[in-house]
Protein backbone atom coordinates (compact mmCIF):
# COMPACT_ATOMS: atom_id res chain seq x y z
CA MET A 1 -26.55 -12.33 -17.61
CA LEU A 2 -26.10 -10.69 -14.20
CA ASP A 3 -25.53 -7.34 -15.73
CA ASN A 4 -29.21 -7.24 -16.75
CA TYR A 5 -30.39 -7.93 -13.19
CA LEU A 6 -27.89 -5.67 -11.35
CA PRO A 7 -29.80 -2.40 -11.64
CA SER A 8 -32.94 -3.98 -10.28
CA LEU A 9 -31.39 -5.82 -7.32
CA THR A 10 -32.05 -4.46 -3.82
CA GLY A 11 -29.26 -4.16 -1.33
CA ALA A 12 -30.43 -7.31 0.51
CA GLU A 13 -30.51 -9.30 -2.69
CA LEU A 14 -26.93 -8.17 -3.57
CA LYS A 15 -25.71 -8.96 -0.14
CA ILE A 16 -27.14 -12.54 -0.26
CA LEU A 17 -25.93 -12.99 -3.74
CA LEU A 18 -22.41 -11.92 -2.76
CA VAL A 19 -22.40 -14.32 0.18
CA ILE A 20 -23.41 -17.17 -2.16
CA ILE A 21 -20.74 -16.20 -4.65
CA ARG A 22 -18.15 -16.06 -1.97
CA GLN A 23 -19.19 -19.30 -0.40
CA THR A 24 -19.20 -21.17 -3.73
CA ASN A 25 -16.94 -19.79 -6.36
CA GLY A 26 -14.71 -18.24 -3.71
CA TRP A 27 -13.58 -21.66 -2.51
CA VAL A 28 -11.51 -24.33 -4.28
CA ASN A 29 -12.88 -27.81 -4.16
CA ARG A 30 -10.02 -29.97 -2.78
CA SER A 31 -11.20 -33.19 -4.53
CA ASN A 32 -10.95 -31.96 -8.05
CA THR A 33 -9.23 -28.52 -7.68
CA GLY A 34 -12.16 -26.89 -9.32
CA ARG A 35 -14.54 -24.28 -7.75
CA LYS A 36 -17.33 -25.27 -5.46
CA GLN A 37 -20.62 -25.58 -7.31
CA ARG A 38 -22.77 -25.34 -4.21
CA ASP A 39 -22.32 -24.97 -0.53
CA ARG A 40 -24.36 -25.54 2.65
CA ILE A 41 -25.06 -22.14 4.11
CA SER A 42 -27.06 -21.87 7.29
CA HIS A 43 -29.53 -19.18 8.06
CA ARG A 44 -27.28 -18.04 10.96
CA GLN A 45 -24.32 -17.60 8.51
CA PHE A 46 -26.44 -15.38 6.28
CA ILE A 47 -27.33 -13.31 9.35
CA CYS A 48 -23.79 -12.89 10.48
CA LYS A 49 -22.39 -12.21 7.04
CA THR A 50 -24.99 -9.71 5.78
CA GLY A 51 -26.28 -8.08 8.95
CA LEU A 52 -29.82 -8.64 7.76
CA CYS A 53 -32.62 -10.02 9.85
CA SER A 54 -34.01 -13.57 9.50
CA ARG A 55 -37.31 -12.45 7.87
CA ILE A 56 -35.52 -10.31 5.19
CA ILE A 57 -33.13 -13.12 4.42
CA SER A 58 -36.00 -15.59 3.83
CA GLN A 59 -37.86 -13.13 1.61
CA THR A 60 -34.73 -12.24 -0.31
CA LEU A 61 -33.81 -15.94 -0.91
CA GLN A 62 -37.32 -16.42 -2.33
CA LYS A 63 -36.91 -13.35 -4.66
CA LEU A 64 -33.50 -14.52 -5.88
CA THR A 65 -34.93 -18.03 -6.55
CA GLU A 66 -37.82 -16.56 -8.40
CA LYS A 67 -35.54 -14.32 -10.55
CA GLY A 68 -33.62 -17.53 -11.37
CA LEU A 69 -30.23 -16.22 -10.05
CA ILE A 70 -29.84 -18.98 -7.39
CA CYS A 71 -30.85 -22.47 -6.78
CA VAL A 72 -31.69 -23.92 -3.34
CA SER A 73 -31.52 -27.68 -2.82
CA ASN A 74 -31.39 -30.21 -0.04
CA GLY A 75 -28.76 -32.85 0.70
CA ASP A 76 -30.24 -35.06 -1.95
CA ARG A 77 -29.89 -32.36 -4.57
CA GLU A 78 -33.69 -31.92 -4.81
CA LEU A 79 -34.48 -28.31 -5.72
CA LEU A 80 -36.53 -26.49 -3.11
CA HIS A 81 -38.40 -23.74 -5.07
CA SER A 82 -40.56 -22.31 -2.29
CA SER A 83 -39.95 -21.00 1.24
CA ALA A 84 -42.41 -23.66 2.46
CA ALA A 85 -40.21 -26.41 1.06
CA ARG A 86 -37.18 -24.91 2.60
CA LYS A 87 -38.77 -24.31 6.02
CA GLY A 88 -37.40 -26.60 8.78
CA ASN A 89 -34.75 -28.09 6.54
CA PRO A 90 -31.45 -27.78 8.39
CA HIS A 91 -29.38 -28.64 5.37
CA LEU A 92 -29.86 -26.15 2.62
CA PHE A 93 -27.30 -25.96 -0.25
CA PHE A 94 -27.05 -22.78 -2.32
CA SER A 95 -25.61 -22.49 -5.82
CA LEU A 96 -25.62 -19.87 -8.55
CA ARG A 97 -27.49 -20.21 -11.77
CA LEU A 98 -24.35 -20.18 -13.91
CA SER A 99 -26.24 -19.17 -17.09
CA HIS A 100 -26.65 -15.74 -15.53
CA PHE A 101 -23.02 -15.39 -14.60
CA SER A 102 -21.29 -16.20 -17.88
CA THR A 103 -19.16 -13.48 -19.34
CA SER A 104 -19.63 -12.54 -22.90
CA THR A 105 -16.76 -10.07 -23.03
CA THR A 106 -13.67 -10.71 -25.10
CA VAL A 107 -10.29 -9.31 -24.54
CA LYS A 108 -8.88 -7.32 -27.39
CA SER A 109 -5.22 -7.62 -28.26
CA VAL A 110 -3.37 -4.41 -28.05
CA ASP A 111 -0.76 -3.92 -30.79
CA SER A 112 0.75 -0.64 -29.51
CA PRO A 113 3.49 -0.83 -26.86
CA PRO A 114 2.96 0.89 -23.42
CA GLN A 115 3.95 4.45 -23.10
CA LYS A 116 7.68 4.78 -22.44
CA GLY A 117 7.31 7.82 -20.13
CA ALA A 118 5.11 6.05 -17.48
CA MET A 119 7.15 2.89 -17.61
CA TYR A 120 10.43 4.79 -17.28
CA LYS A 121 9.17 6.88 -14.26
CA THR A 122 8.02 3.76 -12.42
CA ASN A 123 11.20 1.88 -13.04
CA TYR A 124 13.31 4.89 -12.27
CA THR A 125 11.61 5.52 -8.89
CA LYS A 126 11.80 1.86 -7.92
CA LEU A 127 15.45 1.63 -8.87
CA ASN A 128 16.43 4.71 -6.88
CA LYS A 129 14.39 3.69 -3.79
CA THR A 130 16.04 0.33 -3.91
CA LYS A 131 19.58 1.79 -4.13
CA LEU A 132 18.78 4.29 -1.33
CA ARG A 133 17.62 1.51 0.91
CA GLU A 134 20.85 -0.48 0.25
CA ARG A 135 22.96 2.55 1.09
CA PHE A 136 21.05 3.31 4.19
CA ASN A 137 21.44 -0.21 5.44
CA GLU A 138 25.25 -0.05 5.02
CA VAL A 139 25.57 3.03 7.35
CA LYS A 140 27.66 2.57 10.42
CA SER A 141 28.12 5.99 12.11
CA VAL A 142 26.06 9.07 12.93
CA SER A 143 27.97 11.16 10.37
CA GLU A 144 27.27 8.63 7.67
CA VAL A 145 23.57 8.81 8.64
CA ILE A 146 23.47 12.56 8.32
CA ALA A 147 25.33 12.37 4.92
CA ASN A 148 22.83 9.64 3.71
CA MET A 149 19.89 11.78 4.73
CA ALA A 150 21.27 14.76 2.79
CA MET A 151 21.83 12.53 -0.21
CA LEU A 152 18.29 11.07 0.19
CA LYS A 153 16.70 14.59 0.28
CA LYS A 154 18.63 15.69 -2.79
CA THR A 155 17.70 12.46 -4.61
CA LEU A 156 14.00 12.86 -3.85
CA ASP A 157 14.07 16.51 -4.79
CA THR A 158 15.57 15.47 -8.14
CA GLU A 159 12.93 12.79 -8.61
CA ASP A 160 10.14 15.23 -8.01
CA CYS A 161 11.56 17.45 -10.71
CA VAL A 162 11.87 14.58 -13.16
CA MET A 163 8.25 13.43 -12.49
CA ASP A 164 6.88 16.90 -12.85
CA SER A 165 8.33 17.38 -16.29
């Protein structure tokens, strides 16, 4: 699981890993509406997206491959385990090792209802702001604007008192 590796990942490894996650799972595959399993990412893209130099990117890709967090393959889906195998290959495809990225957490159902106070305050504030906007949009003269501003100030002062209690 990724959580086990996270404390030991360097900044460069995390940056590269995030780019790969973004370029694969961050995109929907149009042909089957699922997420991309792999993507062709050039060395130049890694440089632009991470701000790392070419040498660090090559070393980091090798480390992530050795840790088993990513897979690097060519266009024929042949795995390229070493930097020597990747060198000079213009079409490198990167993917995540999904076994490390599975989630084992479960969501517990909550039987108790949410607190009424917090819910009431949010709805009360939204409702009043909406009413005030409607009133403000209906104003036609300067005297009405001044009257609405006074009403707005009074309402906001009242809201502050309600929220403080």
